[in-house]
Amino acid sequence: MLKSAPVGKPNAAPAHKPKASSKVTTKCAPVAVP
């Protein structure tokens, strides 16, 4: 799911924000789908 986020939204760049990546893992659906 983490791969879907950066691919779908390059602006999100969870890799650049390790703290955000933790939240992305918790809410991958809402984050991946705007």
PDB file of N, CA and C in Angstrom:
ATOM      1  N   MET A   1       0.840  -1.196   0.000  1.00  0.00           N
ATOM      2  CA  MET A   1       0.000   0.000   0.000  1.00  0.00           C
ATOM      3  C   MET A   1       0.881   1.254   0.000  1.00  0.00           C
ATOM      4  N   LEU A   2       2.031   1.162   0.658  1.00  0.00           N
ATOM      5  CA  LEU A   2       2.935   2.312   0.688  1.00  0.00           C
ATOM      6  C   LEU A   2       3.398   2.641  -0.722  1.00  0.00           C
ATOM      7  N   LYS A   3       3.567   1.597  -1.554  1.00  0.00           N
ATOM      8  CA  LYS A   3       4.011   1.824  -2.933  1.00  0.00           C
ATOM      9  C   LYS A   3       2.914   2.519  -3.728  1.00  0.00           C
ATOM     10  N   SER A   4       1.668   2.212  -3.399  1.00  0.00           N
ATOM     11  CA  SER A   4       0.544   2.814  -4.127  1.00  0.00           C
ATOM     12  C   SER A   4       0.472   4.318  -3.843  1.00  0.00           C
ATOM     13  N   ALA A   5       0.794   4.704  -2.618  1.00  0.00           N
ATOM     14  CA  ALA A   5       0.715   6.116  -2.243  1.00  0.00           C
ATOM     15  C   ALA A   5       1.690   6.961  -3.069  1.00  0.00           C
ATOM     16  N   PRO A   6       3.001   6.637  -3.045  1.00  0.00           N
ATOM     17  CA  PRO A   6       3.982   7.433  -3.789  1.00  0.00           C
ATOM     18  C   PRO A   6       3.716   7.386  -5.286  1.00  0.00           C
ATOM     19  N   VAL A   7       3.290   6.237  -5.798  1.00  0.00           N
ATOM     20  CA  VAL A   7       3.028   6.107  -7.235  1.00  0.00           C
ATOM     21  C   VAL A   7       1.803   6.931  -7.617  1.00  0.00           C
ATOM     22  N   GLY A   8       0.764   6.849  -6.795  1.00  0.00           N
ATOM     23  CA  GLY A   8      -0.463   7.593  -7.085  1.00  0.00           C
ATOM     24  C   GLY A   8      -0.263   9.082  -6.862  1.00  0.00           C
ATOM     25  N   LYS A   9       0.453   9.423  -5.784  1.00  0.00           N
ATOM     26  CA  LYS A   9       0.678  10.843  -5.483  1.00  0.00           C
ATOM     27  C   LYS A   9       2.158  11.087  -5.212  1.00  0.00           C
ATOM     28  N   PRO A  10       2.893  11.519  -6.228  1.00  0.00           N
ATOM     29  CA  PRO A  10       4.323  11.803  -6.065  1.00  0.00           C
ATOM     30  C   PRO A  10       4.535  12.934  -5.059  1.00  0.00           C
ATOM     31  N   ASN A  11       3.534  13.796  -4.920  1.00  0.00           N
ATOM     32  CA  ASN A  11       3.632  14.921  -3.990  1.00  0.00           C
ATOM     33  C   ASN A  11       3.659  14.433  -2.542  1.00  0.00           C
ATOM     34  N   ALA A  12       2.977  13.313  -2.296  1.00  0.00           N
ATOM     35  CA  ALA A  12       2.911  12.776  -0.935  1.00  0.00           C
ATOM     36  C   ALA A  12       4.317  12.406  -0.465  1.00  0.00           C
ATOM     37  N   ALA A  13       5.059  11.703  -1.324  1.00  0.00           N
ATOM     38  CA  ALA A  13       6.445  11.321  -1.034  1.00  0.00           C
ATOM     39  C   ALA A  13       6.608  10.862   0.409  1.00  0.00           C
ATOM     40  N   PRO A  14       5.984   9.737   0.795  1.00  0.00           N
ATOM     41  CA  PRO A  14       6.108   9.204   2.156  1.00  0.00           C
ATOM     42  C   PRO A  14       7.559   8.886   2.492  1.00  0.00           C
ATOM     43  N   ALA A  15       8.350   8.593   1.466  1.00  0.00           N
ATOM     44  CA  ALA A  15       9.765   8.269   1.676  1.00  0.00           C
ATOM     45  C   ALA A  15      10.482   9.484   2.259  1.00  0.00           C
ATOM     46  N   HIS A  16      10.085  10.686   1.804  1.00  0.00           N
ATOM     47  CA  HIS A  16      10.714  11.911   2.304  1.00  0.00           C
ATOM     48  C   HIS A  16      10.273  12.197   3.736  1.00  0.00           C
ATOM     49  N   LYS A  17       9.077  11.709   4.072  1.00  0.00           N
ATOM     50  CA  LYS A  17       8.561  11.954   5.426  1.00  0.00           C
ATOM     51  C   LYS A  17       8.339  10.629   6.143  1.00  0.00           C
ATOM     52  N   PRO A  18       9.338  10.159   6.907  1.00  0.00           N
ATOM     53  CA  PRO A  18       9.247   8.892   7.639  1.00  0.00           C
ATOM     54  C   PRO A  18       8.083   8.911   8.633  1.00  0.00           C
ATOM     55  N   LYS A  19       7.838  10.067   9.229  1.00  0.00           N
ATOM     56  CA  LYS A  19       6.742  10.181  10.199  1.00  0.00           C
ATOM     57  C   LYS A  19       5.408  10.014   9.474  1.00  0.00           C
ATOM     58  N   ALA A  20       5.317  10.598   8.284  1.00  0.00           N
ATOM     59  CA  ALA A  20       4.074  10.504   7.504  1.00  0.00           C
ATOM     60  C   ALA A  20       3.851   9.060   7.078  1.00  0.00           C
ATOM     61  N   SER A  21       4.949   8.362   6.769  1.00  0.00           N
ATOM     62  CA  SER A  21       4.838   6.966   6.309  1.00  0.00           C
ATOM     63  C   SER A  21       4.142   6.126   7.376  1.00  0.00           C
ATOM     64  N   SER A  22       4.392   6.436   8.647  1.00  0.00           N
ATOM     65  CA  SER A  22       3.745   5.685   9.733  1.00  0.00           C
ATOM     66  C   SER A  22       2.236   5.908   9.681  1.00  0.00           C
ATOM     67  N   LYS A  23       1.843   7.166   9.428  1.00  0.00           N
ATOM     68  CA  LYS A  23       0.414   7.481   9.353  1.00  0.00           C
ATOM     69  C   LYS A  23      -0.177   6.879   8.084  1.00  0.00           C
ATOM     70  N   VAL A  24       0.618   6.847   7.030  1.00  0.00           N
ATOM     71  CA  VAL A  24       0.149   6.281   5.757  1.00  0.00           C
ATOM     72  C   VAL A  24      -0.166   4.806   5.947  1.00  0.00           C
ATOM     73  N   THR A  25       0.666   4.126   6.757  1.00  0.00           N
ATOM     74  CA  THR A  25       0.443   2.697   7.011  1.00  0.00           C
ATOM     75  C   THR A  25      -0.865   2.515   7.784  1.00  0.00           C
ATOM     76  N   THR A  26      -1.130   3.453   8.683  1.00  0.00           N
ATOM     77  CA  THR A  26      -2.355   3.360   9.479  1.00  0.00           C
ATOM     78  C   THR A  26      -3.568   3.674   8.607  1.00  0.00           C
ATOM     79  N   LYS A  27      -3.421   4.706   7.769  1.00  0.00           N
ATOM     80  CA  LYS A  27      -4.546   5.094   6.897  1.00  0.00           C
ATOM     81  C   LYS A  27      -4.075   5.093   5.449  1.00  0.00           C
ATOM     82  N   CYS A  28      -3.899   3.894   4.906  1.00  0.00           N
ATOM     83  CA  CYS A  28      -3.403   3.790   3.532  1.00  0.00           C
ATOM     84  C   CYS A  28      -4.550   4.057   2.560  1.00  0.00           C
ATOM     85  N   ALA A  29      -5.757   3.631   2.933  1.00  0.00           N
ATOM     86  CA  ALA A  29      -6.904   3.797   2.034  1.00  0.00           C
ATOM     87  C   ALA A  29      -7.228   5.283   1.822  1.00  0.00           C
ATOM     88  N   PRO A  30      -7.476   6.053   2.893  1.00  0.00           N
ATOM     89  CA  PRO A  30      -7.824   7.476   2.746  1.00  0.00           C
ATOM     90  C   PRO A  30      -6.690   8.268   2.109  1.00  0.00           C
ATOM     91  N   VAL A  31      -5.454   7.915   2.440  1.00  0.00           N
ATOM     92  CA  VAL A  31      -4.311   8.660   1.908  1.00  0.00           C
ATOM     93  C   VAL A  31      -4.134   8.362   0.424  1.00  0.00           C
ATOM     94  N   ALA A  32      -4.273   7.078   0.074  1.00  0.00           N
ATOM     95  CA  ALA A  32      -4.089   6.683  -1.325  1.00  0.00           C
ATOM     96  C   ALA A  32      -5.240   7.226  -2.171  1.00  0.00           C
ATOM     97  N   VAL A  33      -6.450   7.224  -1.576  1.00  0.00           N
ATOM     98  CA  VAL A  33      -7.620   7.712  -2.319  1.00  0.00           C
ATOM     99  C   VAL A  33      -8.027   9.085  -1.799  1.00  0.00           C
ATOM    100  N   PRO A  34      -7.879  10.112  -2.616  1.00  0.00           N
ATOM    101  CA  PRO A  34      -8.202  11.491  -2.196  1.00  0.00           C
ATOM    102  C   PRO A  34      -9.709  11.696  -2.021  1.00  0.00           C
TER     103      PRO A  34
END
